[in-house]
Amino acid sequence: MKVLIVEDDFDTADFIKRGLEQNGDTAHHVGTAQQGMVLATSEEFDVIIFDRLLPKMDGIDAVRILRGSNVVTPIIMLTALSETADRVSGLDAGADDYLVKPFDFSELYARLKALTRRTPLKQEALLLNIADLRLERTARRVSRGGQALDLNPKEYQILEYLMLNPGQLVTKTMLLEKVWGFNFDPKTSLVQTHVSRLRNKVDKPFDTELIKTIRGCGYIISDHD
């Protein structure tokens, strides 16, 4: 793996860097969010480790900017903040996983490997269409009826997953795992809230409802009733 470490605590960064190099991986370390964003947008990495609490710019803001700049590299956030709301805010900004300090390197490494095993985009599935809804995966652009839709990173990921599975039931558990990386139910209205916001953008301004709720089960995207 080629890993970018964005961490202002040099002891923590050195601990991670040494662990990666002992496993035969390549690690690049920078100490500020700004440096991290420059490298993330100018070089190819397999995964990025981003600290949450950085000087001058919060890691969450940096991740949100990267996702808005169409950087799709998997990101795992590190933080000393352990409240559920803190984890959710990091994931909502576009991070793929979230690890609370202190942590064991073995757990971090397992999560990094899991993120890099995600299936790459297939050439034939770069453009997704349902009725007049269009999603361009390489550019991360969404439009309906020729009108551009402004989606945040999580709304985009939910819609992308639904459109990759047209006419099929997508459960709350599936979305928690695929979009937020949760392998447990955080017992919040996280999924429902984001799907509701997504619908307000994708369906509400138009005549035909595409995202349908299957009560007690999940969601289906389809242009059929």
Protein backbone atom coordinates (compact mmCIF):
# COMPACT_ATOMS: atom_id res chain seq x y z
CA MET A 1 0.00 0.00 0.00
CA LYS A 2 1.00 3.60 -0.55
CA VAL A 3 -0.37 5.50 2.47
CA LEU A 4 -0.60 9.23 3.21
CA ILE A 5 -0.52 10.10 6.93
CA VAL A 6 -1.85 13.54 7.88
CA GLU A 7 -1.06 13.85 11.60
CA ASP A 8 0.40 16.70 13.67
CA ASP A 9 1.49 14.41 16.53
CA PHE A 10 4.87 13.22 15.29
CA ASP A 11 5.05 10.35 17.80
CA THR A 12 1.77 8.95 16.52
CA ALA A 13 2.79 9.49 12.91
CA ASP A 14 6.15 7.77 13.48
CA PHE A 15 4.40 4.84 15.20
CA ILE A 16 2.11 4.38 12.19
CA LYS A 17 4.86 4.95 9.63
CA ARG A 18 7.18 2.37 11.20
CA GLY A 19 4.38 -0.18 11.41
CA LEU A 20 3.51 0.28 7.74
CA GLU A 21 7.11 0.08 6.58
CA GLN A 22 7.67 -3.10 8.60
CA ASN A 23 4.84 -4.63 6.58
CA GLY A 24 6.45 -3.57 3.31
CA ASP A 25 4.17 -0.58 2.67
CA THR A 26 5.13 2.98 1.70
CA ALA A 27 4.18 5.83 4.04
CA HIS A 28 4.30 9.60 3.46
CA HIS A 29 3.77 11.90 6.45
CA VAL A 30 2.72 15.55 6.61
CA GLY A 31 1.72 17.56 9.66
CA THR A 32 -1.01 19.90 8.44
CA ALA A 33 -4.34 19.59 6.68
CA GLN A 34 -3.19 21.96 3.95
CA GLN A 35 -0.14 19.80 3.16
CA GLY A 36 -2.35 16.73 3.19
CA MET A 37 -4.79 18.24 0.70
CA VAL A 38 -1.98 19.23 -1.65
CA LEU A 39 -0.54 15.71 -1.70
CA ALA A 40 -3.95 14.02 -1.86
CA THR A 41 -4.87 16.01 -4.98
CA SER A 42 -1.48 15.76 -6.71
CA GLU A 43 -0.37 12.16 -6.04
CA GLU A 44 -1.99 8.73 -6.09
CA PHE A 45 -2.43 6.97 -2.73
CA ASP A 46 -4.17 3.72 -1.87
CA VAL A 47 -5.51 5.12 1.40
CA ILE A 48 -5.24 8.29 3.51
CA ILE A 49 -5.02 8.47 7.31
CA PHE A 50 -6.36 11.87 8.45
CA ASP A 51 -6.19 13.17 12.01
CA ARG A 52 -9.33 14.97 13.14
CA LEU A 53 -7.81 17.71 15.31
CA LEU A 54 -5.20 19.53 13.24
CA PRO A 55 -3.78 23.06 13.60
CA LYS A 56 -5.39 25.84 11.53
CA MET A 57 -7.89 23.52 9.81
CA ASP A 58 -10.03 20.72 11.23
CA GLY A 59 -9.55 17.36 9.55
CA ILE A 60 -13.27 17.16 8.86
CA ASP A 61 -13.18 20.38 6.86
CA ALA A 62 -10.19 19.10 4.89
CA VAL A 63 -11.91 15.80 4.09
CA ARG A 64 -15.06 17.62 3.01
CA ILE A 65 -12.99 19.79 0.64
CA LEU A 66 -11.21 16.74 -0.79
CA ARG A 67 -14.51 14.97 -1.48
CA GLY A 68 -15.85 18.13 -3.07
CA SER A 69 -12.75 18.12 -5.29
CA ASN A 70 -13.60 14.59 -6.49
CA VAL A 71 -10.82 12.86 -4.54
CA VAL A 72 -12.19 9.34 -4.05
CA THR A 73 -9.20 7.79 -2.23
CA PRO A 74 -10.38 5.87 0.86
CA ILE A 75 -9.91 7.93 4.06
CA ILE A 76 -9.77 6.76 7.67
CA MET A 77 -9.99 9.45 10.35
CA LEU A 78 -8.14 9.29 13.66
CA THR A 79 -9.33 11.22 16.68
CA ALA A 80 -9.35 11.40 20.45
CA LEU A 81 -13.05 12.33 20.26
CA SER A 82 -15.10 9.22 20.97
CA GLU A 83 -18.71 10.41 21.07
CA THR A 84 -21.06 8.94 18.46
CA ALA A 85 -21.82 12.43 17.14
CA ASP A 86 -18.10 13.00 16.50
CA ARG A 87 -17.81 9.73 14.56
CA VAL A 88 -20.92 10.51 12.56
CA SER A 89 -19.68 14.00 11.66
CA GLY A 90 -16.42 12.58 10.33
CA LEU A 91 -18.17 9.94 8.26
CA ASP A 92 -20.74 12.45 7.06
CA ALA A 93 -17.92 14.67 5.78
CA GLY A 94 -16.79 11.87 3.49
CA ALA A 95 -14.45 9.68 5.55
CA ASP A 96 -14.79 5.95 4.95
CA ASP A 97 -13.83 4.81 8.45
CA TYR A 98 -13.15 6.28 11.89
CA LEU A 99 -10.74 5.06 14.58
CA VAL A 100 -10.54 6.48 18.10
CA LYS A 101 -7.19 7.07 19.82
CA PRO A 102 -5.48 5.27 21.47
CA PHE A 103 -5.56 2.34 19.08
CA ASP A 104 -3.64 -0.85 18.34
CA PHE A 105 -1.67 -0.79 15.11
CA SER A 106 -3.05 -4.23 14.23
CA GLU A 107 -6.60 -2.82 14.20
CA LEU A 108 -5.58 0.21 12.15
CA TYR A 109 -3.76 -2.02 9.67
CA ALA A 110 -6.73 -4.37 9.30
CA ARG A 111 -9.00 -1.40 8.58
CA LEU A 112 -6.55 0.01 6.03
CA LYS A 113 -6.37 -3.32 4.22
CA ALA A 114 -10.17 -3.58 4.23
CA LEU A 115 -10.50 -0.13 2.65
CA THR A 116 -8.01 -0.96 -0.11
CA ARG A 117 -9.89 -4.16 -0.96
CA ARG A 118 -12.97 -2.25 -2.05
CA THR A 119 -13.96 -3.04 -5.63
CA PRO A 120 -12.65 -0.44 -8.11
CA LEU A 121 -15.02 1.23 -10.55
CA LYS A 122 -15.81 -0.92 -13.55
CA GLN A 123 -15.50 0.79 -16.91
CA GLU A 124 -18.97 -0.29 -18.00
CA ALA A 125 -20.57 1.15 -14.86
CA LEU A 126 -19.09 4.65 -14.91
CA LEU A 127 -22.37 6.18 -16.07
CA LEU A 128 -25.59 5.24 -14.26
CA ASN A 129 -29.09 6.13 -15.45
CA ILE A 130 -32.54 5.63 -13.96
CA ALA A 131 -35.26 7.34 -16.05
CA ASP A 132 -34.06 10.97 -16.37
CA LEU A 133 -31.67 10.65 -13.39
CA ARG A 134 -28.00 10.54 -14.43
CA LEU A 135 -24.93 9.84 -12.25
CA GLU A 136 -21.40 10.24 -13.67
CA ARG A 137 -19.11 8.29 -11.32
CA THR A 138 -15.71 9.58 -12.47
CA ALA A 139 -16.78 13.23 -12.20
CA ARG A 140 -19.13 12.55 -9.24
CA ARG A 141 -21.82 14.58 -10.98
CA VAL A 142 -25.55 14.00 -10.64
CA SER A 143 -28.34 15.51 -12.72
CA ARG A 144 -32.03 14.93 -13.34
CA GLY A 145 -33.81 16.10 -16.42
CA GLY A 146 -30.64 17.96 -17.36
CA GLN A 147 -30.69 19.90 -14.07
CA ALA A 148 -27.56 19.55 -11.88
CA LEU A 149 -28.19 18.28 -8.36
CA ASP A 150 -25.99 19.45 -5.48
CA LEU A 151 -25.44 16.42 -3.24
CA ASN A 152 -23.16 16.18 -0.22
CA PRO A 153 -20.69 13.22 -0.14
CA LYS A 154 -22.94 10.86 1.82
CA GLU A 155 -26.01 11.67 -0.27
CA TYR A 156 -23.94 10.93 -3.37
CA GLN A 157 -22.74 7.60 -1.96
CA ILE A 158 -26.27 6.54 -1.01
CA LEU A 159 -27.59 7.41 -4.46
CA GLU A 160 -24.67 5.70 -6.17
CA TYR A 161 -25.26 2.49 -4.21
CA LEU A 162 -28.99 2.56 -4.95
CA MET A 163 -28.34 3.13 -8.67
CA LEU A 164 -25.83 0.28 -8.77
CA ASN A 165 -28.68 -1.94 -7.55
CA PRO A 166 -31.73 -0.71 -9.52
CA GLY A 167 -35.02 -2.35 -8.65
CA GLN A 168 -33.42 -4.20 -5.74
CA LEU A 169 -34.11 -3.77 -2.04
CA VAL A 170 -31.31 -1.90 -0.25
CA THR A 171 -31.61 -2.22 3.51
CA LYS A 172 -30.57 0.22 6.22
CA THR A 173 -27.90 -2.27 7.30
CA MET A 174 -26.47 -2.40 3.77
CA LEU A 175 -26.25 1.40 3.63
CA LEU A 176 -24.63 1.62 7.07
CA GLU A 177 -21.96 -0.84 5.94
CA LYS A 178 -21.37 0.41 2.39
CA VAL A 179 -21.69 4.16 2.94
CA TRP A 180 -20.55 4.69 6.54
CA GLY A 181 -18.44 1.58 7.08
CA PHE A 182 -20.44 0.59 10.17
CA ASN A 183 -20.68 -3.12 10.90
CA PHE A 184 -23.13 -2.33 13.69
CA ASP A 185 -26.30 -0.31 14.08
CA PRO A 186 -25.53 3.00 15.88
CA LYS A 187 -29.20 3.23 16.87
CA THR A 188 -29.67 6.63 15.29
CA SER A 189 -31.79 8.00 12.45
CA LEU A 190 -28.61 8.50 10.41
CA VAL A 191 -29.76 6.61 7.32
CA GLN A 192 -33.34 7.87 7.39
CA THR A 193 -32.19 11.49 7.73
CA HIS A 194 -29.80 11.28 4.79
CA VAL A 195 -32.26 9.44 2.55
CA SER A 196 -34.91 12.07 3.36
CA ARG A 197 -32.51 14.86 2.36
CA LEU A 198 -31.55 12.96 -0.77
CA ARG A 199 -35.20 12.58 -1.76
CA ASN A 200 -35.79 16.30 -1.31
CA LYS A 201 -33.19 16.87 -4.02
CA VAL A 202 -33.77 13.90 -6.33
CA ASP A 203 -37.56 13.46 -6.17
CA LYS A 204 -39.35 16.43 -4.62
CA PRO A 205 -38.82 18.94 -7.46
CA PHE A 206 -39.91 16.40 -10.11
CA ASP A 207 -43.14 14.66 -11.11
CA THR A 208 -41.95 11.05 -10.76
CA GLU A 209 -40.75 9.53 -7.49
CA LEU A 210 -37.75 7.28 -8.04
CA ILE A 211 -36.60 6.47 -4.47
CA LYS A 212 -39.25 4.37 -2.76
CA THR A 213 -39.46 3.27 0.88
CA ILE A 214 -40.32 -0.35 1.60
CA ARG A 215 -41.63 0.11 5.13
CA GLY A 216 -39.67 -1.85 7.71
CA CYS A 217 -37.25 -3.14 5.06
CA GLY A 218 -35.34 -0.42 3.23
CA TYR A 219 -35.31 1.41 -0.10
CA ILE A 220 -35.62 0.72 -3.82
CA ILE A 221 -34.78 3.03 -6.70
CA SER A 222 -36.91 2.39 -9.77
CA ASP A 223 -38.85 4.23 -12.45
CA HIS A 224 -41.71 1.74 -12.07
CA ASP A 225 -44.50 1.90 -9.49
